[in-house]
Amino acid sequence: MNKRNEDKIGKNISIKLFFCLFTFLLPFIPIILFYFYNSESDIIKNIATILSNIPGFHSLKNPNLSYLLNTYIHTAPLTAFLLFLFTHKQLKLKKDKSPFKALTILFLFSLFYLIMIYCFLLINTELTHSSKILKLMSLNNFFLSFFYISLYCGIFLFTYLYLWFFIGTYKLFCRG
């Protein structure tokens, strides 16, 4: 396979990745719009009460919206995994990488990824009592929505990359 074909395949995978990410971000729109138009709705309050036990980032200034969006954030690793299942056969490895260098990168990235998932998905964090940047994100609904959408994108992309590194390292060791 020549360089041009590899670049074309890589570009196609990138387009698929970002198209799927955009598609997975679409449910944020009805959640946010429904909240903006019916923020005092009993449905929203009941759903938020049910979802309030899920760990993650929450805002005391807007607890109902933060509970709803936080719950959707927890789907990011699953959606990235599903996308990876459909695209992993198209991913190619650079042939000049040593298996031990790949293993080192995988180990370090695993630490980073586990810390990221632990901090963002498994710990309760109150935004209004956090650092200045996180307090800023809880000021209003727009910033809060932007924060959750950004968090979803980050978790989605890093999950996909982690799976790619994991399978790539495995293939390097099998190839020898």
N, C-alpha and C. Protein backbone atom coordinates (compact mmCIF):
# COMPACT_ATOMS: atom_id res chain seq x y z
N MET A 1 0.85 -1.17 0.00
CA MET A 1 0.00 0.00 0.00
C MET A 1 0.90 1.24 0.00
N ASN A 2 0.60 2.17 -0.87
CA ASN A 2 1.45 3.34 -0.94
C ASN A 2 0.98 4.42 0.04
N LYS A 3 1.79 5.45 0.13
CA LYS A 3 1.56 6.53 1.11
C LYS A 3 0.23 7.24 0.85
N ARG A 4 -0.11 7.44 -0.41
CA ARG A 4 -1.34 8.16 -0.76
C ARG A 4 -2.58 7.38 -0.30
N ASN A 5 -2.57 6.06 -0.49
CA ASN A 5 -3.71 5.24 -0.05
C ASN A 5 -3.82 5.23 1.47
N GLU A 6 -2.68 5.18 2.16
CA GLU A 6 -2.70 5.21 3.63
C GLU A 6 -3.27 6.53 4.13
N ASP A 7 -2.88 7.63 3.48
CA ASP A 7 -3.40 8.94 3.87
C ASP A 7 -4.91 9.03 3.63
N LYS A 8 -5.35 8.46 2.51
CA LYS A 8 -6.78 8.48 2.18
C LYS A 8 -7.59 7.66 3.19
N ILE A 9 -7.07 6.49 3.57
CA ILE A 9 -7.75 5.66 4.57
C ILE A 9 -7.78 6.38 5.92
N GLY A 10 -6.66 6.99 6.29
CA GLY A 10 -6.61 7.74 7.55
C GLY A 10 -7.59 8.90 7.55
N LYS A 11 -7.70 9.58 6.42
CA LYS A 11 -8.64 10.70 6.31
C LYS A 11 -10.08 10.19 6.43
N ASN A 12 -10.37 9.06 5.80
CA ASN A 12 -11.72 8.49 5.88
C ASN A 12 -12.08 8.11 7.31
N ILE A 13 -11.12 7.54 8.03
CA ILE A 13 -11.37 7.18 9.43
C ILE A 13 -11.61 8.44 10.27
N SER A 14 -10.82 9.49 10.02
CA SER A 14 -11.02 10.74 10.75
C SER A 14 -12.39 11.33 10.47
N ILE A 15 -12.81 11.28 9.21
CA ILE A 15 -14.13 11.80 8.87
C ILE A 15 -15.22 10.99 9.56
N LYS A 16 -15.08 9.66 9.57
CA LYS A 16 -16.05 8.81 10.28
C LYS A 16 -16.09 9.14 11.76
N LEU A 17 -14.91 9.31 12.34
CA LEU A 17 -14.81 9.59 13.77
C LEU A 17 -15.54 10.89 14.11
N PHE A 18 -15.27 11.95 13.36
CA PHE A 18 -15.89 13.23 13.68
C PHE A 18 -17.37 13.27 13.30
N PHE A 19 -17.76 12.56 12.25
CA PHE A 19 -19.18 12.47 11.91
C PHE A 19 -19.94 11.74 13.02
N CYS A 20 -19.38 10.64 13.50
CA CYS A 20 -20.03 9.90 14.59
C CYS A 20 -20.06 10.72 15.87
N LEU A 21 -18.97 11.42 16.16
CA LEU A 21 -18.96 12.28 17.34
C LEU A 21 -20.05 13.34 17.24
N PHE A 22 -20.16 13.96 16.08
CA PHE A 22 -21.22 14.96 15.88
C PHE A 22 -22.60 14.33 16.08
N THR A 23 -22.78 13.13 15.55
CA THR A 23 -24.06 12.42 15.70
C THR A 23 -24.35 12.12 17.17
N PHE A 24 -23.32 11.70 17.90
CA PHE A 24 -23.51 11.39 19.32
C PHE A 24 -23.72 12.64 20.16
N LEU A 25 -23.33 13.80 19.65
CA LEU A 25 -23.56 15.06 20.36
C LEU A 25 -24.98 15.58 20.15
N LEU A 26 -25.67 15.11 19.14
CA LEU A 26 -27.01 15.61 18.83
C LEU A 26 -28.01 15.46 19.99
N PRO A 27 -27.97 14.40 20.80
CA PRO A 27 -28.93 14.33 21.92
C PRO A 27 -28.79 15.47 22.95
N PHE A 28 -27.65 16.15 22.95
CA PHE A 28 -27.52 17.30 23.85
C PHE A 28 -28.54 18.38 23.48
N ILE A 29 -28.83 18.52 22.20
CA ILE A 29 -29.72 19.59 21.74
C ILE A 29 -31.12 19.45 22.34
N PRO A 30 -31.79 18.29 22.18
CA PRO A 30 -33.13 18.22 22.80
C PRO A 30 -33.10 18.31 24.32
N ILE A 31 -32.07 17.77 24.94
CA ILE A 31 -31.99 17.86 26.41
C ILE A 31 -31.91 19.31 26.84
N ILE A 32 -31.02 20.07 26.20
CA ILE A 32 -30.82 21.48 26.57
C ILE A 32 -32.05 22.31 26.21
N LEU A 33 -32.59 22.10 25.01
CA LEU A 33 -33.77 22.88 24.60
C LEU A 33 -34.98 22.58 25.48
N PHE A 34 -35.20 21.32 25.77
CA PHE A 34 -36.32 20.97 26.64
C PHE A 34 -36.15 21.62 28.01
N TYR A 35 -34.92 21.63 28.50
CA TYR A 35 -34.68 22.25 29.80
C TYR A 35 -34.92 23.76 29.74
N PHE A 36 -34.43 24.42 28.68
CA PHE A 36 -34.59 25.87 28.59
C PHE A 36 -36.06 26.28 28.53
N TYR A 37 -36.87 25.49 27.85
CA TYR A 37 -38.27 25.85 27.70
C TYR A 37 -39.16 25.33 28.83
N ASN A 38 -38.71 24.34 29.55
CA ASN A 38 -39.51 23.75 30.64
C ASN A 38 -38.65 23.48 31.86
N SER A 39 -37.89 24.44 32.30
CA SER A 39 -36.93 24.19 33.39
C SER A 39 -37.61 23.80 34.70
N GLU A 40 -38.84 24.20 34.90
CA GLU A 40 -39.55 23.87 36.13
C GLU A 40 -40.48 22.67 35.96
N SER A 41 -40.32 21.95 34.89
CA SER A 41 -41.19 20.81 34.59
C SER A 41 -41.02 19.70 35.63
N ASP A 42 -42.13 19.05 35.96
CA ASP A 42 -42.08 17.93 36.89
C ASP A 42 -41.29 16.76 36.31
N ILE A 43 -41.37 16.60 35.00
CA ILE A 43 -40.62 15.52 34.34
C ILE A 43 -39.13 15.71 34.57
N ILE A 44 -38.65 16.92 34.34
CA ILE A 44 -37.22 17.20 34.52
C ILE A 44 -36.83 17.01 35.97
N LYS A 45 -37.64 17.50 36.89
CA LYS A 45 -37.32 17.35 38.31
C LYS A 45 -37.28 15.89 38.73
N ASN A 46 -38.23 15.09 38.25
CA ASN A 46 -38.25 13.67 38.59
C ASN A 46 -37.06 12.93 38.00
N ILE A 47 -36.76 13.21 36.74
CA ILE A 47 -35.60 12.56 36.11
C ILE A 47 -34.32 12.97 36.82
N ALA A 48 -34.18 14.26 37.13
CA ALA A 48 -32.99 14.74 37.83
C ALA A 48 -32.86 14.10 39.21
N THR A 49 -33.96 13.90 39.90
CA THR A 49 -33.93 13.24 41.21
C THR A 49 -33.44 11.81 41.08
N ILE A 50 -33.92 11.11 40.07
CA ILE A 50 -33.49 9.73 39.85
C ILE A 50 -32.01 9.66 39.49
N LEU A 51 -31.55 10.62 38.69
CA LEU A 51 -30.17 10.60 38.20
C LEU A 51 -29.17 11.26 39.14
N SER A 52 -29.63 11.81 40.23
CA SER A 52 -28.74 12.57 41.11
C SER A 52 -27.69 11.71 41.82
N ASN A 53 -27.85 10.40 41.81
CA ASN A 53 -26.88 9.53 42.48
C ASN A 53 -25.72 9.12 41.58
N ILE A 54 -25.77 9.49 40.32
CA ILE A 54 -24.68 9.15 39.39
C ILE A 54 -23.53 10.12 39.64
N PRO A 55 -22.32 9.61 39.90
CA PRO A 55 -21.20 10.51 40.18
C PRO A 55 -20.79 11.30 38.94
N GLY A 56 -20.16 12.43 39.18
CA GLY A 56 -19.68 13.27 38.09
C GLY A 56 -19.69 14.72 38.51
N PHE A 57 -19.67 15.60 37.54
CA PHE A 57 -19.70 17.04 37.80
C PHE A 57 -21.14 17.50 37.95
N HIS A 58 -21.38 18.32 38.99
CA HIS A 58 -22.71 18.85 39.25
C HIS A 58 -22.58 20.32 39.61
N SER A 59 -23.65 21.05 39.38
CA SER A 59 -23.67 22.47 39.71
C SER A 59 -24.85 22.76 40.64
N LEU A 60 -24.57 23.38 41.76
CA LEU A 60 -25.64 23.77 42.67
C LEU A 60 -26.48 24.90 42.10
N LYS A 61 -25.90 25.69 41.19
CA LYS A 61 -26.66 26.77 40.57
C LYS A 61 -27.71 26.24 39.60
N ASN A 62 -27.45 25.09 39.04
CA ASN A 62 -28.38 24.50 38.10
C ASN A 62 -28.33 22.98 38.21
N PRO A 63 -28.84 22.42 39.30
CA PRO A 63 -28.67 20.99 39.52
C PRO A 63 -29.40 20.11 38.51
N ASN A 64 -30.60 20.50 38.10
CA ASN A 64 -31.36 19.63 37.20
C ASN A 64 -30.67 19.46 35.85
N LEU A 65 -30.23 20.55 35.25
CA LEU A 65 -29.54 20.46 33.97
C LEU A 65 -28.23 19.70 34.12
N SER A 66 -27.52 19.95 35.20
CA SER A 66 -26.23 19.26 35.37
C SER A 66 -26.42 17.75 35.58
N TYR A 67 -27.48 17.33 36.26
CA TYR A 67 -27.73 15.90 36.42
C TYR A 67 -28.07 15.25 35.08
N LEU A 68 -28.89 15.93 34.29
CA LEU A 68 -29.27 15.38 32.98
C LEU A 68 -28.05 15.25 32.06
N LEU A 69 -27.26 16.31 31.97
CA LEU A 69 -26.10 16.29 31.08
C LEU A 69 -25.01 15.36 31.59
N ASN A 70 -24.83 15.30 32.90
CA ASN A 70 -23.83 14.41 33.48
C ASN A 70 -24.13 12.95 33.14
N THR A 71 -25.40 12.60 33.16
CA THR A 71 -25.77 11.23 32.82
C THR A 71 -25.42 10.91 31.38
N TYR A 72 -25.66 11.84 30.49
CA TYR A 72 -25.32 11.59 29.09
C TYR A 72 -23.81 11.51 28.88
N ILE A 73 -23.04 12.23 29.68
CA ILE A 73 -21.58 12.17 29.60
C ILE A 73 -21.09 10.74 29.82
N HIS A 74 -21.76 10.00 30.67
CA HIS A 74 -21.34 8.64 30.98
C HIS A 74 -21.50 7.68 29.81
N THR A 75 -22.17 8.09 28.75
CA THR A 75 -22.29 7.23 27.57
C THR A 75 -21.11 7.38 26.61
N ALA A 76 -20.26 8.36 26.81
CA ALA A 76 -19.15 8.62 25.89
C ALA A 76 -18.21 7.41 25.72
N PRO A 77 -17.76 6.75 26.78
CA PRO A 77 -16.90 5.58 26.56
C PRO A 77 -17.59 4.46 25.78
N LEU A 78 -18.86 4.26 26.03
CA LEU A 78 -19.59 3.21 25.32
C LEU A 78 -19.72 3.54 23.83
N THR A 79 -20.07 4.77 23.51
CA THR A 79 -20.21 5.13 22.11
C THR A 79 -18.87 5.09 21.38
N ALA A 80 -17.79 5.47 22.06
CA ALA A 80 -16.46 5.38 21.44
C ALA A 80 -16.09 3.92 21.20
N PHE A 81 -16.43 3.06 22.14
CA PHE A 81 -16.16 1.63 21.99
C PHE A 81 -16.94 1.05 20.81
N LEU A 82 -18.20 1.43 20.68
CA LEU A 82 -19.01 0.95 19.56
C LEU A 82 -18.44 1.42 18.22
N LEU A 83 -18.03 2.67 18.15
CA LEU A 83 -17.42 3.16 16.92
C LEU A 83 -16.13 2.41 16.63
N PHE A 84 -15.34 2.16 17.66
CA PHE A 84 -14.08 1.44 17.48
C PHE A 84 -14.32 0.04 16.93
N LEU A 85 -15.38 -0.61 17.39
CA LEU A 85 -15.70 -1.96 16.88
C LEU A 85 -15.92 -1.96 15.37
N PHE A 86 -16.47 -0.88 14.85
CA PHE A 86 -16.76 -0.81 13.41
C PHE A 86 -15.58 -0.30 12.58
N THR A 87 -14.61 0.34 13.20
CA THR A 87 -13.52 0.94 12.42
C THR A 87 -12.14 0.36 12.70
N HIS A 88 -12.00 -0.52 13.67
CA HIS A 88 -10.65 -0.95 14.08
C HIS A 88 -9.90 -1.71 12.99
N LYS A 89 -10.59 -2.36 12.09
CA LYS A 89 -9.90 -3.12 11.04
C LYS A 89 -9.27 -2.21 10.00
N GLN A 90 -9.74 -0.98 9.91
CA GLN A 90 -9.18 -0.03 8.95
C GLN A 90 -7.96 0.70 9.50
N LEU A 91 -7.75 0.64 10.80
CA LEU A 91 -6.63 1.35 11.42
C LEU A 91 -5.32 0.63 11.11
N LYS A 92 -4.34 1.38 10.69
CA LYS A 92 -3.04 0.81 10.35
C LYS A 92 -1.98 1.32 11.32
N LEU A 93 -0.95 0.51 11.48
CA LEU A 93 0.16 0.86 12.36
C LEU A 93 1.37 1.29 11.54
N LYS A 94 2.17 2.15 12.13
CA LYS A 94 3.44 2.48 11.50
C LYS A 94 4.37 1.30 11.72
N LYS A 95 5.03 0.90 10.68
CA LYS A 95 5.83 -0.32 10.74
C LYS A 95 7.18 -0.13 11.43
N ASP A 96 7.59 1.09 11.64
CA ASP A 96 8.92 1.34 12.21
C ASP A 96 8.92 1.45 13.73
N LYS A 97 7.80 1.23 14.38
CA LYS A 97 7.72 1.34 15.84
C LYS A 97 8.11 0.02 16.50
N SER A 98 8.86 0.12 17.58
CA SER A 98 9.24 -1.09 18.32
C SER A 98 8.11 -1.45 19.29
N PRO A 99 7.92 -2.73 19.53
CA PRO A 99 6.85 -3.16 20.44
C PRO A 99 7.04 -2.62 21.86
N PHE A 100 8.28 -2.49 22.30
CA PHE A 100 8.52 -2.03 23.67
C PHE A 100 8.26 -0.54 23.82
N LYS A 101 8.53 0.22 22.77
CA LYS A 101 8.20 1.65 22.80
C LYS A 101 6.67 1.80 22.83
N ALA A 102 5.98 0.98 22.04
CA ALA A 102 4.52 1.02 22.03
C ALA A 102 3.96 0.62 23.40
N LEU A 103 4.58 -0.37 24.05
CA LEU A 103 4.13 -0.80 25.37
C LEU A 103 4.33 0.31 26.40
N THR A 104 5.44 1.03 26.30
CA THR A 104 5.68 2.16 27.20
C THR A 104 4.63 3.24 27.01
N ILE A 105 4.34 3.56 25.75
CA ILE A 105 3.32 4.57 25.45
C ILE A 105 1.96 4.10 25.96
N LEU A 106 1.66 2.83 25.74
CA LEU A 106 0.37 2.29 26.21
C LEU A 106 0.27 2.37 27.73
N PHE A 107 1.33 2.04 28.43
CA PHE A 107 1.32 2.09 29.89
C PHE A 107 1.07 3.52 30.39
N LEU A 108 1.81 4.48 29.83
CA LEU A 108 1.65 5.87 30.26
C LEU A 108 0.26 6.41 29.89
N PHE A 109 -0.20 6.07 28.69
CA PHE A 109 -1.52 6.53 28.28
C PHE A 109 -2.61 5.86 29.12
N SER A 110 -2.38 4.61 29.53
CA SER A 110 -3.35 3.92 30.40
C SER A 110 -3.48 4.65 31.73
N LEU A 111 -2.35 5.06 32.30
CA LEU A 111 -2.39 5.82 33.55
C LEU A 111 -3.18 7.12 33.37
N PHE A 112 -2.84 7.84 32.30
CA PHE A 112 -3.53 9.09 32.02
C PHE A 112 -5.03 8.87 31.83
N TYR A 113 -5.39 7.86 31.05
CA TYR A 113 -6.80 7.59 30.75
C TYR A 113 -7.56 7.17 32.01
N LEU A 114 -6.98 6.31 32.81
CA LEU A 114 -7.66 5.87 34.04
C LEU A 114 -7.86 7.02 35.01
N ILE A 115 -6.86 7.89 35.14
CA ILE A 115 -7.00 9.06 36.00
C ILE A 115 -8.10 9.98 35.46
N MET A 116 -8.11 10.17 34.15
CA MET A 116 -9.12 11.03 33.53
C MET A 116 -10.53 10.48 33.77
N ILE A 117 -10.72 9.20 33.53
CA ILE A 117 -12.04 8.58 33.72
C ILE A 117 -12.44 8.64 35.20
N TYR A 118 -11.49 8.37 36.08
CA TYR A 118 -11.79 8.41 37.51
C TYR A 118 -12.23 9.82 37.93
N CYS A 119 -11.48 10.82 37.49
CA CYS A 119 -11.79 12.20 37.90
C CYS A 119 -13.09 12.72 37.28
N PHE A 120 -13.34 12.39 36.03
CA PHE A 120 -14.49 12.97 35.34
C PHE A 120 -15.78 12.16 35.47
N LEU A 121 -15.67 10.86 35.66
CA LEU A 121 -16.88 10.04 35.67
C LEU A 121 -17.18 9.35 36.99
N LEU A 122 -16.19 9.19 37.86
CA LEU A 122 -16.40 8.38 39.05
C LEU A 122 -16.36 9.15 40.37
N ILE A 123 -16.06 10.42 40.32
CA ILE A 123 -15.99 11.24 41.54
C ILE A 123 -17.04 12.34 41.45
N ASN A 124 -17.73 12.59 42.55
CA ASN A 124 -18.65 13.72 42.60
C ASN A 124 -17.86 15.00 42.78
N THR A 125 -18.07 15.94 41.89
CA THR A 125 -17.39 17.23 41.96
C THR A 125 -18.43 18.33 41.81
N GLU A 126 -18.45 19.22 42.76
CA GLU A 126 -19.36 20.36 42.71
C GLU A 126 -18.64 21.51 42.01
N LEU A 127 -19.21 21.98 40.91
CA LEU A 127 -18.56 23.00 40.10
C LEU A 127 -18.49 24.35 40.81
N THR A 128 -19.50 24.70 41.58
CA THR A 128 -19.52 26.02 42.21
C THR A 128 -18.52 26.15 43.35
N HIS A 129 -18.00 25.02 43.85
CA HIS A 129 -17.01 25.05 44.92
C HIS A 129 -15.62 24.66 44.43
N SER A 130 -15.42 24.67 43.12
CA SER A 130 -14.16 24.21 42.55
C SER A 130 -13.30 25.40 42.16
N SER A 131 -12.30 25.14 41.33
CA SER A 131 -11.38 26.19 40.90
C SER A 131 -12.10 27.24 40.05
N LYS A 132 -11.40 28.32 39.73
CA LYS A 132 -12.01 29.44 39.02
C LYS A 132 -12.60 29.03 37.68
N ILE A 133 -11.87 28.20 36.95
CA ILE A 133 -12.35 27.80 35.62
C ILE A 133 -13.63 27.00 35.75
N LEU A 134 -13.70 26.09 36.70
CA LEU A 134 -14.91 25.29 36.87
C LEU A 134 -16.07 26.13 37.42
N LYS A 135 -15.76 27.10 38.27
CA LYS A 135 -16.80 28.02 38.73
C LYS A 135 -17.38 28.80 37.56
N LEU A 136 -16.50 29.21 36.65
CA LEU A 136 -16.95 29.94 35.47
C LEU A 136 -17.92 29.09 34.65
N MET A 137 -17.63 27.80 34.55
CA MET A 137 -18.50 26.91 33.77
C MET A 137 -19.88 26.76 34.39
N SER A 138 -20.00 27.02 35.67
CA SER A 138 -21.31 26.87 36.32
C SER A 138 -22.07 28.19 36.44
N LEU A 139 -21.54 29.26 35.84
CA LEU A 139 -22.20 30.56 35.96
C LEU A 139 -23.60 30.60 35.35
N ASN A 140 -23.72 30.02 34.15
CA ASN A 140 -25.03 30.04 33.49
C ASN A 140 -25.22 28.76 32.67
N ASN A 141 -26.40 28.63 32.10
CA ASN A 141 -26.74 27.42 31.36
C ASN A 141 -25.88 27.24 30.12
N PHE A 142 -25.53 28.34 29.45
CA PHE A 142 -24.72 28.25 28.24
C PHE A 142 -23.34 27.68 28.56
N PHE A 143 -22.66 28.25 29.55
CA PHE A 143 -21.33 27.75 29.92
C PHE A 143 -21.39 26.32 30.43
N LEU A 144 -22.43 26.01 31.20
CA LEU A 144 -22.58 24.65 31.72
C LEU A 144 -22.77 23.65 30.59
N SER A 145 -23.59 24.00 29.62
CA SER A 145 -23.80 23.13 28.46
C SER A 145 -22.52 22.97 27.66
N PHE A 146 -21.80 24.07 27.46
CA PHE A 146 -20.53 24.01 26.74
C PHE A 146 -19.54 23.10 27.47
N PHE A 147 -19.50 23.20 28.79
CA PHE A 147 -18.60 22.36 29.58
C PHE A 147 -18.91 20.88 29.39
N TYR A 148 -20.18 20.52 29.47
CA TYR A 148 -20.55 19.11 29.33
C TYR A 148 -20.31 18.59 27.91
N ILE A 149 -20.58 19.41 26.90
CA ILE A 149 -20.32 19.00 25.52
C ILE A 149 -18.82 18.80 25.31
N SER A 150 -18.01 19.71 25.83
CA SER A 150 -16.55 19.58 25.72
C SER A 150 -16.05 18.34 26.45
N LEU A 151 -16.60 18.09 27.61
CA LEU A 151 -16.21 16.91 28.38
C LEU A 151 -16.58 15.63 27.63
N TYR A 152 -17.74 15.60 27.02
CA TYR A 152 -18.16 14.44 26.24
C TYR A 152 -17.18 14.21 25.08
N CYS A 153 -16.84 15.28 24.36
CA CYS A 153 -15.91 15.15 23.24
C CYS A 153 -14.56 14.62 23.70
N GLY A 154 -14.04 15.16 24.80
CA GLY A 154 -12.75 14.72 25.31
C GLY A 154 -12.75 13.26 25.72
N ILE A 155 -13.75 12.85 26.45
CA ILE A 155 -13.83 11.45 26.90
C ILE A 155 -14.00 10.52 25.70
N PHE A 156 -14.83 10.91 24.75
CA PHE A 156 -15.05 10.10 23.55
C PHE A 156 -13.74 9.92 22.78
N LEU A 157 -13.05 11.01 22.50
CA LEU A 157 -11.82 10.93 21.70
C LEU A 157 -10.71 10.17 22.43
N PHE A 158 -10.55 10.41 23.71
CA PHE A 158 -9.51 9.70 24.45
C PHE A 158 -9.83 8.22 24.61
N THR A 159 -11.09 7.86 24.71
CA THR A 159 -11.46 6.44 24.76
C THR A 159 -11.12 5.77 23.44
N TYR A 160 -11.45 6.42 22.35
CA TYR A 160 -11.14 5.87 21.02
C TYR A 160 -9.62 5.72 20.85
N LEU A 161 -8.88 6.74 21.23
CA LEU A 161 -7.41 6.67 21.14
C LEU A 161 -6.85 5.56 22.02
N TYR A 162 -7.39 5.42 23.22
CA TYR A 162 -6.90 4.38 24.12
C TYR A 162 -7.12 2.99 23.52
N LEU A 163 -8.30 2.77 22.97
CA LEU A 163 -8.57 1.48 22.34
C LEU A 163 -7.65 1.25 21.15
N TRP A 164 -7.38 2.31 20.40
CA TRP A 164 -6.47 2.20 19.25
C TRP A 164 -5.06 1.84 19.73
N PHE A 165 -4.58 2.51 20.75
CA PHE A 165 -3.24 2.20 21.29
C PHE A 165 -3.20 0.77 21.82
N PHE A 166 -4.25 0.36 22.49
CA PHE A 166 -4.29 -0.98 23.07
C PHE A 166 -4.22 -2.05 21.98
N ILE A 167 -5.06 -1.95 20.98
CA ILE A 167 -5.07 -2.92 19.89
C ILE A 167 -3.80 -2.81 19.07
N GLY A 168 -3.32 -1.60 18.85
CA GLY A 168 -2.08 -1.41 18.09
C GLY A 168 -0.88 -2.06 18.77
N THR A 169 -0.79 -1.92 20.07
CA THR A 169 0.30 -2.54 20.82
C THR A 169 0.19 -4.06 20.75
N TYR A 170 -1.01 -4.56 20.88
CA TYR A 170 -1.23 -6.01 20.77
C TYR A 170 -0.78 -6.51 19.39
N LYS A 171 -1.15 -5.79 18.34
CA LYS A 171 -0.76 -6.20 16.98
C LYS A 171 0.75 -6.14 16.79
N LEU A 172 1.39 -5.14 17.38
CA LEU A 172 2.86 -5.04 17.28
C LEU A 172 3.53 -6.24 17.93
N PHE A 173 3.02 -6.66 19.08
CA PHE A 173 3.61 -7.82 19.75
C PHE A 173 3.33 -9.11 19.00
N CYS A 174 2.17 -9.21 18.39
CA CYS A 174 1.85 -10.42 17.60
C CYS A 174 2.68 -10.48 16.32
N ARG A 175 2.92 -9.32 15.73
CA ARG A 175 3.69 -9.24 14.49
C ARG A 175 5.17 -9.52 14.74
N GLY A 176 5.62 -9.10 15.91
CA GLY A 176 7.00 -9.37 16.28
C GLY A 176 7.96 -8.29 16.05
